[in-house]
Amino acid sequence: MTEKNMTTANRMGYGAMQLAGPGVFGPPADRDEAIAVLRTAVELGVDHIDTADFYGPHVTNQLIREALAPYTQDLLIVTKVGAVRDDQGGWVHAREPEQLKAQVHDNLRNLGVDVLDVVNLRVGGGSDGHTPVPGSVADKFAALAELRDQGLIRHLGLSVVSAEQVAEAQTIAPVVTVQNWYNVAHRGDEQLIASLAAQDITYVPFWPLGGFNPLQSGTLDAVAARLETTAKAVALAWLLHQSPNILLIPGTSKVAHLRENMAAASLKLPADALDELDTIAGTGLDRG
């Protein structure tokens, strides 16, 4: 059997963050609905789920285990390390090698697996919480590479990083995926996306509707209205259009919204819509 990996995954995945309570803290308001979302996602063809043990904390991983274990051979569970939560739900950086190793073991335990499919090292943050911060990732990534060598992790990725940090990590161990904030209004990773595509490395943008100003939102809403769909569907379809190595992980806590998100995979944006969306911010990738 071919080993499951990011490059062969379906382009529409699922992000589990919203399954936790308000502020990604505590249990879900409707546990049965959360379980149904996960099972429906897989039924609809999702074969990679993005999670983290600091969602809840522990909540989303435990829900994934309850809903989907024992896991099928073709389901990839992608988790991330680099943070923990305080008693008030605050997000606390935890990136020292020993902290990262402890988080890997937390993920193993709460997902109920002996080996993690993919572990992303979440590095940046900045003033907005979502932007790369300059600095070496060598000791942090090396700690995860050590666990990979021990057989506790199959593949490694990076999250909230610059191109320079990706290159540095690649001198330590292979990188199979990069997860950054990128959408129709928040661009700047075009060169990184193209570089990763040339290396057969996936790029997973998060926050597809994050960081929009009212004028940008108005343009997106106008395009969505003209196409008789939702703004989120247009934003997701735009991302899929940018490069074939882009995979999406839209999240929701409702089955109905999950079905709407999955429908975006079949939405084709006409040339005039793409041109109008390109006025929101900068210039999109070369569409050939």
C-alpha atoms as a PDB file:
ATOM      1  CA  MET A   1       0.000   0.000   0.000  1.00  0.00           C
ATOM      2  CA  THR A   2       1.275   3.479  -0.864  1.00  0.00           C
ATOM      3  CA  GLU A   3       2.114   5.462   2.256  1.00  0.00           C
ATOM      4  CA  LYS A   4      -0.378   8.211   2.920  1.00  0.00           C
ATOM      5  CA  ASN A   5       1.133  11.658   2.494  1.00  0.00           C
ATOM      6  CA  MET A   6       0.225  15.296   1.966  1.00  0.00           C
ATOM      7  CA  THR A   7       0.981  15.368  -1.760  1.00  0.00           C
ATOM      8  CA  THR A   8      -1.626  12.709  -2.534  1.00  0.00           C
ATOM      9  CA  ALA A   9      -4.307  14.060  -0.175  1.00  0.00           C
ATOM     10  CA  ASN A  10      -7.535  15.537  -1.466  1.00  0.00           C
ATOM     11  CA  ARG A  11      -7.263  19.319  -1.713  1.00  0.00           C
ATOM     12  CA  MET A  12     -10.214  19.951   0.611  1.00  0.00           C
ATOM     13  CA  GLY A  13      -9.417  18.922   4.144  1.00  0.00           C
ATOM     14  CA  TYR A  14     -10.943  19.895   7.460  1.00  0.00           C
ATOM     15  CA  GLY A  15      -9.660  22.066  10.310  1.00  0.00           C
ATOM     16  CA  ALA A  16     -10.852  20.901  13.725  1.00  0.00           C
ATOM     17  CA  MET A  17     -10.162  24.068  15.714  1.00  0.00           C
ATOM     18  CA  GLN A  18     -13.798  25.226  15.817  1.00  0.00           C
ATOM     19  CA  LEU A  19     -14.924  21.992  17.437  1.00  0.00           C
ATOM     20  CA  ALA A  20     -13.702  23.259  20.809  1.00  0.00           C
ATOM     21  CA  GLY A  21     -15.670  25.749  22.895  1.00  0.00           C
ATOM     22  CA  PRO A  22     -15.652  29.567  22.568  1.00  0.00           C
ATOM     23  CA  GLY A  23     -12.157  30.923  22.150  1.00  0.00           C
ATOM     24  CA  VAL A  24     -11.014  27.403  21.230  1.00  0.00           C
ATOM     25  CA  PHE A  25     -11.230  26.644  24.953  1.00  0.00           C
ATOM     26  CA  GLY A  26     -13.225  24.002  26.728  1.00  0.00           C
ATOM     27  CA  PRO A  27     -15.689  21.445  25.372  1.00  0.00           C
ATOM     28  CA  PRO A  28     -18.047  21.971  22.422  1.00  0.00           C
ATOM     29  CA  ALA A  29     -21.548  23.279  22.984  1.00  0.00           C
ATOM     30  CA  ASP A  30     -22.916  20.236  21.150  1.00  0.00           C
ATOM     31  CA  ARG A  31     -20.682  17.176  21.402  1.00  0.00           C
ATOM     32  CA  ASP A  32     -22.939  15.022  19.238  1.00  0.00           C
ATOM     33  CA  GLU A  33     -22.813  17.616  16.465  1.00  0.00           C
ATOM     34  CA  ALA A  34     -19.028  17.793  16.731  1.00  0.00           C
ATOM     35  CA  ILE A  35     -18.775  14.022  16.326  1.00  0.00           C
ATOM     36  CA  ALA A  36     -21.175  14.179  13.386  1.00  0.00           C
ATOM     37  CA  VAL A  37     -19.069  16.874  11.697  1.00  0.00           C
ATOM     38  CA  LEU A  38     -15.949  14.722  11.831  1.00  0.00           C
ATOM     39  CA  ARG A  39     -17.692  11.609  10.555  1.00  0.00           C
ATOM     40  CA  THR A  40     -19.484  13.531   7.804  1.00  0.00           C
ATOM     41  CA  ALA A  41     -16.218  15.135   6.712  1.00  0.00           C
ATOM     42  CA  VAL A  42     -14.674  11.732   6.119  1.00  0.00           C
ATOM     43  CA  GLU A  43     -17.829  10.529   4.365  1.00  0.00           C
ATOM     44  CA  LEU A  44     -17.563  13.531   2.015  1.00  0.00           C
ATOM     45  CA  GLY A  45     -14.013  12.650   1.025  1.00  0.00           C
ATOM     46  CA  VAL A  46     -11.860  14.502   3.551  1.00  0.00           C
ATOM     47  CA  ASP A  47      -8.650  12.543   4.031  1.00  0.00           C
ATOM     48  CA  HIS A  48      -6.621  15.040   6.065  1.00  0.00           C
ATOM     49  CA  ILE A  49      -7.689  16.682   9.300  1.00  0.00           C
ATOM     50  CA  ASP A  50      -5.799  19.555  10.906  1.00  0.00           C
ATOM     51  CA  THR A  51      -5.721  19.680  14.695  1.00  0.00           C
ATOM     52  CA  ALA A  52      -3.580  20.507  17.722  1.00  0.00           C
ATOM     53  CA  ASP A  53      -3.579  19.309  21.295  1.00  0.00           C
ATOM     54  CA  PHE A  54      -3.733  22.940  22.456  1.00  0.00           C
ATOM     55  CA  TYR A  55      -7.202  23.259  20.896  1.00  0.00           C
ATOM     56  CA  GLY A  56      -9.376  22.911  23.959  1.00  0.00           C
ATOM     57  CA  PRO A  57      -6.798  21.979  25.221  1.00  0.00           C
ATOM     58  CA  HIS A  58      -7.005  18.280  24.312  1.00  0.00           C
ATOM     59  CA  VAL A  59     -10.650  18.647  23.236  1.00  0.00           C
ATOM     60  CA  THR A  60     -10.359  18.356  19.457  1.00  0.00           C
ATOM     61  CA  ASN A  61      -7.901  15.466  19.584  1.00  0.00           C
ATOM     62  CA  GLN A  62     -10.148  13.561  21.960  1.00  0.00           C
ATOM     63  CA  LEU A  63     -13.159  14.228  19.724  1.00  0.00           C
ATOM     64  CA  ILE A  64     -11.231  13.003  16.683  1.00  0.00           C
ATOM     65  CA  ARG A  65     -10.326   9.828  18.537  1.00  0.00           C
ATOM     66  CA  GLU A  66     -13.914   9.239  19.644  1.00  0.00           C
ATOM     67  CA  ALA A  67     -15.348   9.898  16.193  1.00  0.00           C
ATOM     68  CA  LEU A  68     -12.829   8.229  13.912  1.00  0.00           C
ATOM     69  CA  ALA A  69     -10.620   5.715  15.728  1.00  0.00           C
ATOM     70  CA  PRO A  70      -9.547   3.188  14.663  1.00  0.00           C
ATOM     71  CA  TYR A  71      -8.352   5.385  11.808  1.00  0.00           C
ATOM     72  CA  THR A  72      -8.469   4.258   8.200  1.00  0.00           C
ATOM     73  CA  GLN A  73      -5.190   3.806   6.360  1.00  0.00           C
ATOM     74  CA  ASP A  74      -5.827   6.755   4.048  1.00  0.00           C
ATOM     75  CA  LEU A  75      -6.685   9.363   6.712  1.00  0.00           C
ATOM     76  CA  LEU A  76      -3.932  11.841   7.550  1.00  0.00           C
ATOM     77  CA  ILE A  77      -4.103  13.623  10.879  1.00  0.00           C
ATOM     78  CA  VAL A  78      -1.918  16.720  10.883  1.00  0.00           C
ATOM     79  CA  THR A  79      -1.193  18.236  14.264  1.00  0.00           C
ATOM     80  CA  LYS A  80       0.984  21.091  15.460  1.00  0.00           C
ATOM     81  CA  VAL A  81       3.135  21.941  18.449  1.00  0.00           C
ATOM     82  CA  GLY A  82       4.644  25.124  19.813  1.00  0.00           C
ATOM     83  CA  ALA A  83       2.008  26.392  22.242  1.00  0.00           C
ATOM     84  CA  VAL A  84       0.018  25.483  25.330  1.00  0.00           C
ATOM     85  CA  ARG A  85      -2.940  27.097  27.082  1.00  0.00           C
ATOM     86  CA  ASP A  86      -3.077  28.769  30.465  1.00  0.00           C
ATOM     87  CA  ASP A  87      -5.957  28.426  32.926  1.00  0.00           C
ATOM     88  CA  GLN A  88      -7.791  31.393  31.396  1.00  0.00           C
ATOM     89  CA  GLY A  89      -7.508  30.083  27.838  1.00  0.00           C
ATOM     90  CA  GLY A  90      -4.547  32.263  26.889  1.00  0.00           C
ATOM     91  CA  TRP A  91      -2.147  31.064  24.205  1.00  0.00           C
ATOM     92  CA  VAL A  92       1.330  30.566  25.643  1.00  0.00           C
ATOM     93  CA  HIS A  93       4.396  29.905  23.483  1.00  0.00           C
ATOM     94  CA  ALA A  94       6.064  26.614  24.417  1.00  0.00           C
ATOM     95  CA  ARG A  95       8.867  26.015  21.957  1.00  0.00           C
ATOM     96  CA  GLU A  96      11.820  24.766  23.949  1.00  0.00           C
ATOM     97  CA  PRO A  97      12.905  21.308  22.772  1.00  0.00           C
ATOM     98  CA  GLU A  98      11.688  19.523  25.910  1.00  0.00           C
ATOM     99  CA  GLN A  99       8.348  21.350  25.734  1.00  0.00           C
ATOM    100  CA  LEU A 100       7.908  20.306  22.103  1.00  0.00           C
ATOM    101  CA  LYS A 101       8.689  16.695  22.941  1.00  0.00           C
ATOM    102  CA  ALA A 102       6.107  16.736  25.746  1.00  0.00           C
ATOM    103  CA  GLN A 103       3.503  18.136  23.364  1.00  0.00           C
ATOM    104  CA  VAL A 104       4.195  15.383  20.851  1.00  0.00           C
ATOM    105  CA  HIS A 105       3.513  12.793  23.546  1.00  0.00           C
ATOM    106  CA  ASP A 106       0.300  14.623  24.502  1.00  0.00           C
ATOM    107  CA  ASN A 107      -0.840  14.406  20.878  1.00  0.00           C
ATOM    108  CA  LEU A 108       0.020  10.718  20.696  1.00  0.00           C
ATOM    109  CA  ARG A 109      -1.948   9.991  23.866  1.00  0.00           C
ATOM    110  CA  ASN A 110      -5.043  12.036  23.071  1.00  0.00           C
ATOM    111  CA  LEU A 111      -5.290  10.906  19.451  1.00  0.00           C
ATOM    112  CA  GLY A 112      -4.715   7.324  20.535  1.00  0.00           C
ATOM    113  CA  VAL A 113      -1.907   6.524  18.093  1.00  0.00           C
ATOM    114  CA  ASP A 114       1.622   5.163  18.277  1.00  0.00           C
ATOM    115  CA  VAL A 115       2.950   7.482  15.591  1.00  0.00           C
ATOM    116  CA  LEU A 116       1.797  10.908  14.393  1.00  0.00           C
ATOM    117  CA  ASP A 117       1.290  11.309  10.644  1.00  0.00           C
ATOM    118  CA  VAL A 118       2.440  14.934  10.367  1.00  0.00           C
ATOM    119  CA  VAL A 119       3.602  17.373  13.039  1.00  0.00           C
ATOM    120  CA  ASN A 120       3.880  21.069  12.204  1.00  0.00           C
ATOM    121  CA  LEU A 121       6.191  23.252  14.256  1.00  0.00           C
ATOM    122  CA  ARG A 122       4.284  26.493  14.828  1.00  0.00           C
ATOM    123  CA  VAL A 123       6.878  29.231  15.060  1.00  0.00           C
ATOM    124  CA  GLY A 124       5.695  32.806  14.475  1.00  0.00           C
ATOM    125  CA  GLY A 125       3.014  34.915  16.006  1.00  0.00           C
ATOM    126  CA  GLY A 126       4.009  38.563  15.991  1.00  0.00           C
ATOM    127  CA  SER A 127       1.745  41.360  17.158  1.00  0.00           C
ATOM    128  CA  ASP A 128      -1.255  39.894  15.309  1.00  0.00           C
ATOM    129  CA  GLY A 129      -0.589  36.311  16.353  1.00  0.00           C
ATOM    130  CA  HIS A 130      -0.350  35.030  12.782  1.00  0.00           C
ATOM    131  CA  THR A 131       2.797  36.515  11.232  1.00  0.00           C
ATOM    132  CA  PRO A 132       6.291  34.993  10.896  1.00  0.00           C
ATOM    133  CA  VAL A 133       8.903  36.331  13.308  1.00  0.00           C
ATOM    134  CA  PRO A 134      12.574  36.312  12.246  1.00  0.00           C
ATOM    135  CA  GLY A 135      14.864  33.915  14.043  1.00  0.00           C
ATOM    136  CA  SER A 136      16.395  30.467  13.903  1.00  0.00           C
ATOM    137  CA  VAL A 137      14.194  27.382  14.105  1.00  0.00           C
ATOM    138  CA  ALA A 138      17.119  24.959  14.187  1.00  0.00           C
ATOM    139  CA  ASP A 139      16.986  23.707  17.786  1.00  0.00           C
ATOM    140  CA  LYS A 140      13.196  23.464  17.743  1.00  0.00           C
ATOM    141  CA  PHE A 141      12.996  21.604  14.447  1.00  0.00           C
ATOM    142  CA  ALA A 142      15.901  19.356  15.426  1.00  0.00           C
ATOM    143  CA  ALA A 143      13.960  18.249  18.528  1.00  0.00           C
ATOM    144  CA  LEU A 144      11.089  17.115  16.316  1.00  0.00           C
ATOM    145  CA  ALA A 145      13.492  15.521  13.834  1.00  0.00           C
ATOM    146  CA  GLU A 146      14.859  13.455  16.712  1.00  0.00           C
ATOM    147  CA  LEU A 147      11.358  12.153  17.468  1.00  0.00           C
ATOM    148  CA  ARG A 148      10.920  11.434  13.767  1.00  0.00           C
ATOM    149  CA  ASP A 149      14.104   9.367  13.839  1.00  0.00           C
ATOM    150  CA  GLN A 150      12.687   7.505  16.843  1.00  0.00           C
ATOM    151  CA  GLY A 151       9.585   6.581  14.850  1.00  0.00           C
ATOM    152  CA  LEU A 152       7.093   8.732  16.775  1.00  0.00           C
ATOM    153  CA  ILE A 153       6.462  11.072  13.814  1.00  0.00           C
ATOM    154  CA  ARG A 154       6.260  10.194  10.120  1.00  0.00           C
ATOM    155  CA  HIS A 155       6.546  13.639   8.552  1.00  0.00           C
ATOM    156  CA  LEU A 156       7.408  17.177   9.639  1.00  0.00           C
ATOM    157  CA  GLY A 157       6.012  20.545   8.613  1.00  0.00           C
ATOM    158  CA  LEU A 158       6.150  24.190   9.607  1.00  0.00           C
ATOM    159  CA  SER A 159       3.570  26.819  10.466  1.00  0.00           C
ATOM    160  CA  VAL A 160       3.773  30.633  10.536  1.00  0.00           C
ATOM    161  CA  VAL A 161       7.250  30.772   9.034  1.00  0.00           C
ATOM    162  CA  SER A 162       9.277  32.686   6.471  1.00  0.00           C
ATOM    163  CA  ALA A 163      10.988  31.248   3.410  1.00  0.00           C
ATOM    164  CA  GLU A 164      14.311  31.571   5.227  1.00  0.00           C
ATOM    165  CA  GLN A 165      13.040  29.491   8.138  1.00  0.00           C
ATOM    166  CA  VAL A 166      11.754  26.830   5.749  1.00  0.00           C
ATOM    167  CA  ALA A 167      15.178  26.649   4.101  1.00  0.00           C
ATOM    168  CA  GLU A 168      16.891  26.371   7.487  1.00  0.00           C
ATOM    169  CA  ALA A 169      14.588  23.560   8.597  1.00  0.00           C
ATOM    170  CA  GLN A 170      15.254  21.675   5.372  1.00  0.00           C
ATOM    171  CA  THR A 171      18.928  21.413   6.280  1.00  0.00           C
ATOM    172  CA  ILE A 172      17.845  19.391   9.328  1.00  0.00           C
ATOM    173  CA  ALA A 173      15.037  17.157   8.017  1.00  0.00           C
ATOM    174  CA  PRO A 174      12.585  17.023   5.104  1.00  0.00           C
ATOM    175  CA  VAL A 175       9.639  19.444   5.232  1.00  0.00           C
ATOM    176  CA  VAL A 176       6.433  18.087   3.695  1.00  0.00           C
ATOM    177  CA  THR A 177       4.076  21.008   4.285  1.00  0.00           C
ATOM    178  CA  VAL A 178       3.962  24.686   5.274  1.00  0.00           C
ATOM    179  CA  GLN A 179       0.954  26.336   6.923  1.00  0.00           C
ATOM    180  CA  ASN A 180       0.724  30.143   6.852  1.00  0.00           C
ATOM    181  CA  TRP A 181      -1.858  32.921   6.868  1.00  0.00           C
ATOM    182  CA  TYR A 182      -2.707  33.579   3.229  1.00  0.00           C
ATOM    183  CA  ASN A 183      -5.929  34.587   1.503  1.00  0.00           C
ATOM    184  CA  VAL A 184      -7.358  36.864  -1.171  1.00  0.00           C
ATOM    185  CA  ALA A 185      -6.845  39.913   1.064  1.00  0.00           C
ATOM    186  CA  HIS A 186      -3.650  38.864   2.850  1.00  0.00           C
ATOM    187  CA  ARG A 187      -0.990  37.948   0.316  1.00  0.00           C
ATOM    188  CA  GLY A 188       2.787  37.961   0.170  1.00  0.00           C
ATOM    189  CA  ASP A 189       3.607  34.240   0.163  1.00  0.00           C
ATOM    190  CA  GLU A 190       3.415  33.873  -3.627  1.00  0.00           C
ATOM    191  CA  GLN A 191       7.123  33.198  -4.091  1.00  0.00           C
ATOM    192  CA  LEU A 192       7.170  30.743  -1.198  1.00  0.00           C
ATOM    193  CA  ILE A 193       4.148  28.906  -2.596  1.00  0.00           C
ATOM    194  CA  ALA A 194       5.797  28.614  -6.005  1.00  0.00           C
ATOM    195  CA  SER A 195       9.067  27.420  -4.474  1.00  0.00           C
ATOM    196  CA  LEU A 196       7.276  24.765  -2.443  1.00  0.00           C
ATOM    197  CA  ALA A 197       5.280  23.646  -5.487  1.00  0.00           C
ATOM    198  CA  ALA A 198       8.529  23.112  -7.395  1.00  0.00           C
ATOM    199  CA  GLN A 199       9.669  20.847  -4.551  1.00  0.00           C
ATOM    200  CA  ASP A 200       6.361  18.935  -4.362  1.00  0.00           C
ATOM    201  CA  ILE A 201       5.665  20.401  -0.911  1.00  0.00           C
ATOM    202  CA  THR A 202       2.124  21.373   0.040  1.00  0.00           C
ATOM    203  CA  TYR A 203       1.072  24.790   1.282  1.00  0.00           C
ATOM    204  CA  VAL A 204      -1.917  25.037   3.622  1.00  0.00           C
ATOM    205  CA  PRO A 205      -3.344  28.547   4.083  1.00  0.00           C
ATOM    206  CA  PHE A 206      -5.268  29.250   7.259  1.00  0.00           C
ATOM    207  CA  TRP A 207      -7.831  31.957   8.062  1.00  0.00           C
ATOM    208  CA  PRO A 208      -9.408  32.235   4.567  1.00  0.00           C
ATOM    209  CA  LEU A 209     -11.560  35.197   5.633  1.00  0.00           C
ATOM    210  CA  GLY A 210      -9.150  36.743   8.130  1.00  0.00           C
ATOM    211  CA  GLY A 211      -7.781  40.271   7.980  1.00  0.00           C
ATOM    212  CA  PHE A 212     -10.282  41.811   5.569  1.00  0.00           C
ATOM    213  CA  ASN A 213     -11.182  45.501   5.768  1.00  0.00           C
ATOM    214  CA  PRO A 214     -14.735  46.646   4.916  1.00  0.00           C
ATOM    215  CA  LEU A 215     -13.856  47.632   1.338  1.00  0.00           C
ATOM    216  CA  GLN A 216     -12.226  44.274   0.673  1.00  0.00           C
ATOM    217  CA  SER A 217     -15.148  42.439   2.221  1.00  0.00           C
ATOM    218  CA  GLY A 218     -17.525  44.443   0.037  1.00  0.00           C
ATOM    219  CA  THR A 219     -15.725  43.356  -3.116  1.00  0.00           C
ATOM    220  CA  LEU A 220     -15.758  39.724  -2.025  1.00  0.00           C
ATOM    221  CA  ASP A 221     -19.448  39.940  -1.147  1.00  0.00           C
ATOM    222  CA  ALA A 222     -20.223  41.477  -4.543  1.00  0.00           C
ATOM    223  CA  VAL A 223     -18.479  38.667  -6.398  1.00  0.00           C
ATOM    224  CA  ALA A 224     -20.240  36.066  -4.256  1.00  0.00           C
ATOM    225  CA  ALA A 225     -23.642  37.660  -4.891  1.00  0.00           C
ATOM    226  CA  ARG A 226     -23.043  37.706  -8.631  1.00  0.00           C
ATOM    227  CA  LEU A 227     -22.106  34.024  -8.576  1.00  0.00           C
ATOM    228  CA  GLU A 228     -25.031  33.210  -6.257  1.00  0.00           C
ATOM    229  CA  THR A 229     -22.809  31.689  -3.608  1.00  0.00           C
ATOM    230  CA  THR A 230     -21.200  32.676  -0.312  1.00  0.00           C
ATOM    231  CA  ALA A 231     -18.181  34.860   0.358  1.00  0.00           C
ATOM    232  CA  LYS A 232     -16.426  31.947   2.061  1.00  0.00           C
ATOM    233  CA  ALA A 233     -16.994  29.692  -0.945  1.00  0.00           C
ATOM    234  CA  VAL A 234     -15.458  32.321  -3.224  1.00  0.00           C
ATOM    235  CA  ALA A 235     -12.499  32.813  -0.879  1.00  0.00           C
ATOM    236  CA  LEU A 236     -11.863  29.061  -0.741  1.00  0.00           C
ATOM    237  CA  ALA A 237     -12.241  28.643  -4.505  1.00  0.00           C
ATOM    238  CA  TRP A 238      -9.794  31.522  -5.066  1.00  0.00           C
ATOM    239  CA  LEU A 239      -7.214  29.765  -2.895  1.00  0.00           C
ATOM    240  CA  LEU A 240      -7.620  26.490  -4.785  1.00  0.00           C
ATOM    241  CA  HIS A 241      -7.126  28.405  -8.030  1.00  0.00           C
ATOM    242  CA  GLN A 242      -3.810  29.900  -6.993  1.00  0.00           C
ATOM    243  CA  SER A 243      -1.565  26.827  -7.115  1.00  0.00           C
ATOM    244  CA  PRO A 244      -2.045  23.042  -7.305  1.00  0.00           C
ATOM    245  CA  ASN A 245       0.019  22.472  -4.152  1.00  0.00           C
ATOM    246  CA  ILE A 246      -2.466  24.426  -2.008  1.00  0.00           C
ATOM    247  CA  LEU A 247      -4.615  22.313   0.318  1.00  0.00           C
ATOM    248  CA  LEU A 248      -7.453  23.808   2.356  1.00  0.00           C
ATOM    249  CA  ILE A 249      -8.598  23.136   5.919  1.00  0.00           C
ATOM    250  CA  PRO A 250     -11.804  25.163   6.417  1.00  0.00           C
ATOM    251  CA  GLY A 251     -13.295  24.592   9.829  1.00  0.00           C
ATOM    252  CA  THR A 252     -16.800  24.563  11.212  1.00  0.00           C
ATOM    253  CA  SER A 253     -18.742  23.055  14.085  1.00  0.00           C
ATOM    254  CA  LYS A 254     -21.899  22.451  12.019  1.00  0.00           C
ATOM    255  CA  VAL A 255     -22.617  19.719   9.500  1.00  0.00           C
ATOM    256  CA  ALA A 256     -24.588  22.097   7.258  1.00  0.00           C
ATOM    257  CA  HIS A 257     -21.673  24.550   7.080  1.00  0.00           C
ATOM    258  CA  LEU A 258     -19.285  21.670   6.420  1.00  0.00           C
ATOM    259  CA  ARG A 259     -21.289  20.693   3.347  1.00  0.00           C
ATOM    260  CA  GLU A 260     -21.214  24.308   2.118  1.00  0.00           C
ATOM    261  CA  ASN A 261     -17.452  24.473   2.550  1.00  0.00           C
ATOM    262  CA  MET A 262     -16.903  21.213   0.698  1.00  0.00           C
ATOM    263  CA  ALA A 263     -18.964  22.504  -2.220  1.00  0.00           C
ATOM    264  CA  ALA A 264     -16.351  25.218  -2.776  1.00  0.00           C
ATOM    265  CA  ALA A 265     -14.060  22.575  -4.264  1.00  0.00           C
ATOM    266  CA  SER A 266     -16.276  22.445  -7.349  1.00  0.00           C
ATOM    267  CA  LEU A 267     -16.794  26.204  -7.663  1.00  0.00           C
ATOM    268  CA  LYS A 268     -15.126  27.605 -10.788  1.00  0.00           C
ATOM    269  CA  LEU A 269     -14.372  31.310 -10.753  1.00  0.00           C
ATOM    270  CA  PRO A 270     -14.752  33.053 -14.126  1.00  0.00           C
ATOM    271  CA  ALA A 271     -12.008  35.333 -15.396  1.00  0.00           C
ATOM    272  CA  ASP A 272     -13.895  38.528 -14.568  1.00  0.00           C
ATOM    273  CA  ALA A 273     -14.375  37.380 -10.980  1.00  0.00           C
ATOM    274  CA  LEU A 274     -10.675  36.582 -10.654  1.00  0.00           C
ATOM    275  CA  ASP A 275      -9.777  39.996 -12.035  1.00  0.00           C
ATOM    276  CA  GLU A 276     -12.109  41.703  -9.572  1.00  0.00           C
ATOM    277  CA  LEU A 277     -10.720  39.707  -6.666  1.00  0.00           C
ATOM    278  CA  ASP A 278      -7.194  40.685  -7.685  1.00  0.00           C
ATOM    279  CA  THR A 279      -8.100  44.295  -6.938  1.00  0.00           C
ATOM    280  CA  ILE A 280      -8.538  43.428  -3.244  1.00  0.00           C
ATOM    281  CA  ALA A 281      -4.835  43.166  -2.497  1.00  0.00           C
ATOM    282  CA  GLY A 282      -1.747  42.996  -4.650  1.00  0.00           C
ATOM    283  CA  THR A 283      -1.443  40.568  -7.512  1.00  0.00           C
ATOM    284  CA  GLY A 284      -2.310  36.881  -7.456  1.00  0.00           C
ATOM    285  CA  LEU A 285      -0.064  34.100  -8.676  1.00  0.00           C
ATOM    286  CA  ASP A 286       0.445  33.744 -12.402  1.00  0.00           C
ATOM    287  CA  ARG A 287      -2.575  31.854 -13.671  1.00  0.00           C
ATOM    288  CA  GLY A 288      -0.794  30.769 -16.831  1.00  0.00           C
END
